[in-house]
Protein backbone atom coordinates (compact mmCIF):
# COMPACT_ATOMS: atom_id res chain seq x y z
CA MET A 1 19.34 -4.22 -46.66
CA LEU A 2 19.66 -1.24 -44.09
CA ALA A 3 16.32 -0.02 -45.08
CA PHE A 4 14.74 -3.13 -44.21
CA GLY A 5 16.64 -3.30 -40.92
CA TYR A 6 15.11 0.60 -40.19
CA ASN A 7 11.89 -0.37 -41.40
CA ILE A 8 11.60 -3.60 -38.77
CA ILE A 9 12.71 -0.92 -36.23
CA VAL A 10 10.08 1.41 -36.57
CA LYS A 11 7.65 -1.20 -36.89
CA LEU A 12 8.89 -2.81 -33.86
CA LEU A 13 8.66 0.54 -31.44
CA ALA A 14 5.30 1.41 -33.28
CA TYR A 15 4.08 -1.95 -31.53
CA LEU A 16 5.60 -1.55 -28.45
CA PHE A 17 4.10 1.87 -28.33
CA HIS A 18 0.55 0.15 -28.65
CA LEU A 19 1.37 -2.20 -26.38
CA LYS A 20 1.98 0.11 -23.50
CA GLU A 21 -0.82 1.95 -24.21
CA TYR A 22 -2.75 -1.32 -24.14
CA ILE A 23 -1.00 -2.15 -20.64
CA VAL A 24 -1.98 1.19 -19.47
CA GLY A 25 -5.57 0.73 -20.37
CA VAL A 26 -5.92 -3.13 -18.56
CA ASN A 27 -4.03 -1.30 -15.20
CA GLN A 28 -6.46 1.53 -15.19
CA LYS A 29 -9.56 -1.59 -15.61
CA LEU A 30 -8.11 -2.95 -13.23
CA LEU A 31 -7.44 -0.24 -10.78
CA GLU A 32 -10.99 1.08 -10.87
CA TYR A 33 -12.39 -2.58 -10.29
CA HIS A 34 -10.67 -2.89 -7.34
CA ILE A 35 -11.42 0.92 -6.04
CA GLY A 36 -15.20 -0.33 -6.67
CA ARG A 37 -14.84 -3.45 -4.65
CA LEU A 38 -13.81 -1.17 -1.68
CA LYS A 39 -17.56 -0.61 -1.44
CA ASP A 40 -18.76 -4.33 -1.13
CA LYS A 41 -20.41 -5.27 2.05
CA ARG A 42 -18.09 -8.15 2.74
CA VAL A 43 -14.96 -7.69 4.76
CA GLU A 44 -12.97 -10.70 2.57
CA VAL A 45 -13.75 -9.01 -0.87
CA ARG A 46 -12.40 -5.73 0.43
CA LEU A 47 -9.59 -6.99 2.11
CA GLN A 48 -8.27 -9.27 -0.99
CA SER A 49 -9.23 -6.03 -3.46
CA ILE A 50 -6.57 -3.81 -1.18
CA GLN A 51 -4.14 -6.58 -1.51
CA GLU A 52 -4.94 -6.42 -5.37
CA LEU A 53 -4.41 -2.86 -5.04
CA VAL A 54 -0.96 -2.82 -3.77
CA LEU A 55 0.37 -5.27 -6.31
CA LEU A 56 -1.03 -2.75 -8.77
CA ASN A 57 1.45 -0.20 -7.09
CA ASP A 58 -0.60 2.56 -8.62
CA ILE A 59 -1.16 6.04 -7.11
CA GLY A 60 -4.34 6.31 -8.48
CA ALA A 61 -5.56 3.79 -5.58
CA LEU A 62 -4.44 6.34 -2.65
CA ASP A 63 -7.47 8.69 -2.25
CA ALA A 64 -9.38 5.66 -2.32
CA LEU A 65 -7.38 3.70 0.32
CA ARG A 66 -7.69 6.96 2.31
CA ASP A 67 -11.38 7.36 2.43
CA VAL A 68 -11.35 3.37 3.26
CA PHE A 69 -8.97 4.03 5.95
CA THR A 70 -11.01 7.09 7.48
CA ASN A 71 -14.53 5.41 7.05
CA ASP A 72 -15.19 2.20 6.91
CA SER A 73 -16.65 0.27 10.05
CA ASP A 74 -14.34 -2.64 10.05
CA VAL A 75 -10.75 -2.15 11.89
CA GLU A 76 -9.20 -4.63 9.89
CA VAL A 77 -10.00 -3.08 6.71
CA ARG A 78 -9.07 0.34 8.01
CA LYS A 79 -5.49 -1.07 8.98
CA ALA A 80 -4.97 -2.67 6.04
CA ALA A 81 -6.18 0.23 3.92
CA GLN A 82 -3.58 2.40 5.66
CA GLU A 83 -0.70 -0.10 5.17
CA ALA A 84 -1.63 -0.44 1.74
CA GLY A 85 -1.50 3.23 1.22
CA ARG A 86 2.06 3.55 3.10
CA VAL A 87 3.40 0.83 0.76
CA ILE A 88 2.38 2.62 -2.21
CA PHE A 89 3.33 5.65 -1.24
CA LYS A 90 6.52 4.80 -0.45
CA ASN A 91 7.14 2.33 -3.48
CA GLN A 92 6.24 5.82 -5.74
CA ALA A 93 8.35 7.58 -3.80
CA SER A 94 11.38 5.46 -4.36
CA ASN A 95 10.56 4.98 -7.74
CA SER A 96 10.81 8.75 -8.37
CA THR A 97 14.48 9.34 -6.42
CA GLY A 98 16.32 6.51 -8.27
């Protein structure tokens, strides 16, 4: 009976490992998608993608947000990118310290 329980635990751990890899892959695809949309000609699309990047809370977005803050032609998009970068940076800093 003990071996049966051990086998279930091993299978569950393997499943959780694969699930984590799947989630990381999906998150990476979402990150790439929204970073790509930061170059859209429509302001509303760029603003929406900035908000989605905040929800993803991935430090991989920081370089793209910095580029938008530095180079975007729309002042509201630049402000949103700056604030999004601050939020993500702050969240990551607080996650790493405690």
